[in-house]
Amino acid sequence: MGIALGLLLIAPSWMRLAGIVPCAVWVTLVSRDIMGDGWHRFSDVMGSVLLAAAIVSLVAAMVAVGGRRMGGLALVATLVGGPMAR
C-alpha cells in the first residue's frame, strides 16, 4: 500500500487517475494472498492500509502548503480537515 500510494504521490497529475486502478488491483491481490496464506487477518491488512493512507495524507498535506513550514497544530488540522473539505 505504501509503495502504491507513494507512486501515486510522485506521479504527474495526468497520470494519477490512470494509476489508481492498477495500484488498487495490486494492493488487493497482495492483501488477498497474505490473508489466504494465513499470515495476517483482515484487521491487520486494514490497519496497514489505513496507516499508509494516513502517512501519505500527512506528506501530501505538507507538500500542498507550497514549501512553507507548518506548525504541529496546523498540520494536524490540515490532515484531519483536508479530506473532509473536499
N, C-alpha and C. Protein backbone atom coordinates (compact mmCIF):
# COMPACT_ATOMS: atom_id res chain seq x y z
N MET A 1 0.83 -1.19 0.00
CA MET A 1 0.00 0.00 0.00
C MET A 1 0.87 1.24 0.00
N GLY A 2 1.92 1.21 0.80
CA GLY A 2 2.81 2.37 0.86
C GLY A 2 3.49 2.64 -0.47
N ILE A 3 3.91 1.58 -1.14
CA ILE A 3 4.56 1.74 -2.44
C ILE A 3 3.57 2.29 -3.46
N ALA A 4 2.36 1.75 -3.47
CA ALA A 4 1.35 2.19 -4.43
C ALA A 4 1.00 3.66 -4.21
N LEU A 5 0.77 4.05 -2.95
CA LEU A 5 0.44 5.44 -2.67
C LEU A 5 1.62 6.37 -2.92
N GLY A 6 2.82 5.89 -2.64
CA GLY A 6 4.00 6.70 -2.94
C GLY A 6 4.16 6.96 -4.42
N LEU A 7 3.90 5.93 -5.22
CA LEU A 7 3.96 6.11 -6.68
C LEU A 7 2.90 7.09 -7.16
N LEU A 8 1.70 7.00 -6.59
CA LEU A 8 0.65 7.93 -6.98
C LEU A 8 0.97 9.36 -6.54
N LEU A 9 1.67 9.48 -5.42
CA LEU A 9 2.02 10.81 -4.90
C LEU A 9 3.05 11.51 -5.78
N ILE A 10 4.01 10.75 -6.32
CA ILE A 10 5.06 11.38 -7.11
C ILE A 10 4.74 11.41 -8.61
N ALA A 11 3.67 10.74 -9.01
CA ALA A 11 3.30 10.72 -10.43
C ALA A 11 2.78 12.09 -10.87
N PRO A 12 2.98 12.41 -12.15
CA PRO A 12 2.40 13.65 -12.67
C PRO A 12 0.87 13.61 -12.56
N SER A 13 0.26 14.76 -12.49
CA SER A 13 -1.18 14.83 -12.26
C SER A 13 -1.99 14.12 -13.35
N TRP A 14 -1.53 14.14 -14.58
CA TRP A 14 -2.27 13.50 -15.66
C TRP A 14 -2.21 11.97 -15.56
N MET A 15 -1.23 11.44 -14.85
CA MET A 15 -1.04 10.00 -14.75
C MET A 15 -1.71 9.41 -13.50
N ARG A 16 -2.04 10.23 -12.52
CA ARG A 16 -2.58 9.74 -11.26
C ARG A 16 -3.90 9.00 -11.44
N LEU A 17 -4.80 9.57 -12.21
CA LEU A 17 -6.11 8.94 -12.38
C LEU A 17 -5.99 7.58 -13.05
N ALA A 18 -5.11 7.47 -14.03
CA ALA A 18 -4.92 6.19 -14.70
C ALA A 18 -4.18 5.19 -13.82
N GLY A 19 -3.41 5.66 -12.85
CA GLY A 19 -2.65 4.78 -11.99
C GLY A 19 -3.41 4.24 -10.81
N ILE A 20 -4.57 4.79 -10.52
CA ILE A 20 -5.34 4.35 -9.35
C ILE A 20 -5.79 2.90 -9.50
N VAL A 21 -6.29 2.54 -10.66
CA VAL A 21 -6.83 1.19 -10.86
C VAL A 21 -5.73 0.12 -10.75
N PRO A 22 -4.59 0.25 -11.45
CA PRO A 22 -3.56 -0.78 -11.29
C PRO A 22 -3.02 -0.86 -9.86
N CYS A 23 -2.89 0.26 -9.20
CA CYS A 23 -2.41 0.24 -7.81
C CYS A 23 -3.42 -0.44 -6.89
N ALA A 24 -4.70 -0.16 -7.09
CA ALA A 24 -5.73 -0.80 -6.26
C ALA A 24 -5.79 -2.30 -6.51
N VAL A 25 -5.64 -2.71 -7.76
CA VAL A 25 -5.64 -4.14 -8.08
C VAL A 25 -4.44 -4.83 -7.44
N TRP A 26 -3.27 -4.19 -7.50
CA TRP A 26 -2.06 -4.77 -6.92
C TRP A 26 -2.20 -4.92 -5.41
N VAL A 27 -2.69 -3.89 -4.74
CA VAL A 27 -2.86 -3.95 -3.28
C VAL A 27 -3.89 -5.02 -2.92
N THR A 28 -4.95 -5.14 -3.69
CA THR A 28 -5.97 -6.15 -3.43
C THR A 28 -5.42 -7.56 -3.58
N LEU A 29 -4.65 -7.80 -4.63
CA LEU A 29 -4.09 -9.13 -4.85
C LEU A 29 -3.08 -9.51 -3.77
N VAL A 30 -2.23 -8.57 -3.41
CA VAL A 30 -1.24 -8.85 -2.36
C VAL A 30 -1.95 -9.10 -1.03
N SER A 31 -2.95 -8.30 -0.72
CA SER A 31 -3.70 -8.48 0.53
C SER A 31 -4.42 -9.82 0.55
N ARG A 32 -5.00 -10.20 -0.56
CA ARG A 32 -5.69 -11.49 -0.65
C ARG A 32 -4.72 -12.65 -0.42
N ASP A 33 -3.54 -12.56 -1.02
CA ASP A 33 -2.56 -13.63 -0.86
C ASP A 33 -2.05 -13.71 0.57
N ILE A 34 -1.83 -12.57 1.19
CA ILE A 34 -1.33 -12.56 2.58
C ILE A 34 -2.37 -13.16 3.52
N MET A 35 -3.63 -12.81 3.32
CA MET A 35 -4.68 -13.38 4.17
C MET A 35 -4.94 -14.85 3.82
N GLY A 36 -4.84 -15.20 2.55
CA GLY A 36 -5.08 -16.58 2.12
C GLY A 36 -4.04 -17.55 2.64
N ASP A 37 -2.80 -17.09 2.77
CA ASP A 37 -1.74 -17.94 3.30
C ASP A 37 -1.79 -18.04 4.81
N GLY A 38 -2.66 -17.26 5.44
CA GLY A 38 -2.81 -17.32 6.88
C GLY A 38 -1.79 -16.50 7.66
N TRP A 39 -1.08 -15.62 7.00
CA TRP A 39 -0.07 -14.81 7.68
C TRP A 39 -0.71 -13.70 8.49
N HIS A 40 -1.77 -13.11 7.95
CA HIS A 40 -2.44 -11.99 8.62
C HIS A 40 -3.94 -12.14 8.51
N ARG A 41 -4.62 -11.47 9.42
CA ARG A 41 -6.09 -11.43 9.37
C ARG A 41 -6.51 -10.14 8.66
N PHE A 42 -7.81 -10.05 8.40
CA PHE A 42 -8.35 -8.90 7.69
C PHE A 42 -8.07 -7.61 8.45
N SER A 43 -8.16 -7.64 9.78
CA SER A 43 -7.93 -6.44 10.57
C SER A 43 -6.48 -5.97 10.44
N ASP A 44 -5.53 -6.88 10.31
CA ASP A 44 -4.13 -6.49 10.10
C ASP A 44 -3.95 -5.76 8.78
N VAL A 45 -4.58 -6.29 7.75
CA VAL A 45 -4.47 -5.69 6.42
C VAL A 45 -5.11 -4.31 6.41
N MET A 46 -6.31 -4.21 7.00
CA MET A 46 -6.99 -2.90 7.03
C MET A 46 -6.21 -1.89 7.86
N GLY A 47 -5.61 -2.34 8.95
CA GLY A 47 -4.79 -1.43 9.76
C GLY A 47 -3.60 -0.89 8.98
N SER A 48 -2.95 -1.75 8.21
CA SER A 48 -1.81 -1.29 7.42
C SER A 48 -2.24 -0.36 6.30
N VAL A 49 -3.39 -0.63 5.69
CA VAL A 49 -3.92 0.24 4.63
C VAL A 49 -4.24 1.62 5.20
N LEU A 50 -4.91 1.65 6.35
CA LEU A 50 -5.26 2.93 6.96
C LEU A 50 -4.03 3.70 7.44
N LEU A 51 -3.05 2.99 7.99
CA LEU A 51 -1.81 3.65 8.42
C LEU A 51 -1.06 4.24 7.24
N ALA A 52 -0.95 3.49 6.15
CA ALA A 52 -0.27 4.00 4.96
C ALA A 52 -1.01 5.20 4.38
N ALA A 53 -2.34 5.14 4.35
CA ALA A 53 -3.12 6.26 3.84
C ALA A 53 -2.95 7.50 4.72
N ALA A 54 -2.88 7.32 6.03
CA ALA A 54 -2.69 8.46 6.94
C ALA A 54 -1.32 9.09 6.74
N ILE A 55 -0.29 8.28 6.59
CA ILE A 55 1.06 8.81 6.41
C ILE A 55 1.17 9.55 5.08
N VAL A 56 0.63 8.97 4.02
CA VAL A 56 0.69 9.63 2.70
C VAL A 56 -0.14 10.92 2.72
N SER A 57 -1.27 10.92 3.43
CA SER A 57 -2.06 12.14 3.55
C SER A 57 -1.29 13.22 4.29
N LEU A 58 -0.54 12.84 5.29
CA LEU A 58 0.29 13.79 6.03
C LEU A 58 1.36 14.39 5.13
N VAL A 59 2.01 13.54 4.35
CA VAL A 59 3.04 14.04 3.42
C VAL A 59 2.41 14.93 2.36
N ALA A 60 1.26 14.53 1.83
CA ALA A 60 0.59 15.35 0.82
C ALA A 60 0.16 16.69 1.38
N ALA A 61 -0.26 16.70 2.64
CA ALA A 61 -0.64 17.97 3.27
C ALA A 61 0.57 18.87 3.42
N MET A 62 1.72 18.31 3.74
CA MET A 62 2.93 19.12 3.87
C MET A 62 3.36 19.67 2.52
N VAL A 63 3.22 18.87 1.46
CA VAL A 63 3.60 19.31 0.12
C VAL A 63 2.62 20.36 -0.39
N ALA A 64 1.34 20.23 -0.07
CA ALA A 64 0.32 21.13 -0.58
C ALA A 64 0.44 22.55 -0.04
N VAL A 65 1.17 22.72 1.03
CA VAL A 65 1.32 24.04 1.61
C VAL A 65 2.24 24.91 0.76
N GLY A 66 3.00 24.28 -0.11
CA GLY A 66 3.85 25.04 -1.01
C GLY A 66 5.22 25.35 -0.42
N GLY A 67 5.71 24.48 0.42
CA GLY A 67 7.04 24.65 0.97
C GLY A 67 7.11 25.47 2.23
N ARG A 68 6.01 26.10 2.64
CA ARG A 68 6.03 26.85 3.90
C ARG A 68 6.01 25.88 5.06
N ARG A 69 6.70 26.22 6.11
CA ARG A 69 6.75 25.36 7.29
C ARG A 69 5.46 25.53 8.09
N MET A 70 4.87 24.41 8.46
CA MET A 70 3.62 24.44 9.23
C MET A 70 3.89 24.04 10.67
N GLY A 71 3.14 24.62 11.58
CA GLY A 71 3.21 24.21 12.97
C GLY A 71 2.49 22.89 13.16
N GLY A 72 2.71 22.25 14.28
CA GLY A 72 2.12 20.94 14.54
C GLY A 72 0.62 20.96 14.53
N LEU A 73 0.01 21.96 15.17
CA LEU A 73 -1.45 22.03 15.23
C LEU A 73 -2.04 22.28 13.84
N ALA A 74 -1.42 23.15 13.06
CA ALA A 74 -1.91 23.42 11.71
C ALA A 74 -1.77 22.19 10.82
N LEU A 75 -0.71 21.42 11.02
CA LEU A 75 -0.50 20.22 10.23
C LEU A 75 -1.56 19.17 10.55
N VAL A 76 -1.86 18.98 11.82
CA VAL A 76 -2.89 18.02 12.21
C VAL A 76 -4.25 18.48 11.72
N ALA A 77 -4.53 19.78 11.82
CA ALA A 77 -5.82 20.30 11.35
C ALA A 77 -5.95 20.11 9.84
N THR A 78 -4.86 20.28 9.10
CA THR A 78 -4.90 20.07 7.66
C THR A 78 -5.10 18.59 7.34
N LEU A 79 -4.44 17.73 8.10
CA LEU A 79 -4.58 16.30 7.87
C LEU A 79 -5.99 15.82 8.14
N VAL A 80 -6.59 16.30 9.22
CA VAL A 80 -7.95 15.86 9.58
C VAL A 80 -9.00 16.58 8.75
N GLY A 81 -8.84 17.88 8.60
CA GLY A 81 -9.84 18.67 7.90
C GLY A 81 -9.75 18.65 6.40
N GLY A 82 -8.59 18.34 5.87
CA GLY A 82 -8.39 18.34 4.42
C GLY A 82 -9.31 17.40 3.68
N PRO A 83 -9.35 16.10 4.06
CA PRO A 83 -10.24 15.19 3.34
C PRO A 83 -11.71 15.54 3.49
N MET A 84 -12.08 16.14 4.61
CA MET A 84 -13.50 16.49 4.80
C MET A 84 -13.88 17.74 4.03
N ALA A 85 -12.90 18.56 3.65
CA ALA A 85 -13.20 19.82 2.94
C ALA A 85 -13.57 19.56 1.49
N ARG A 86 -13.14 18.47 0.93
CA ARG A 86 -13.42 18.18 -0.49
C ARG A 86 -14.74 17.62 -0.62
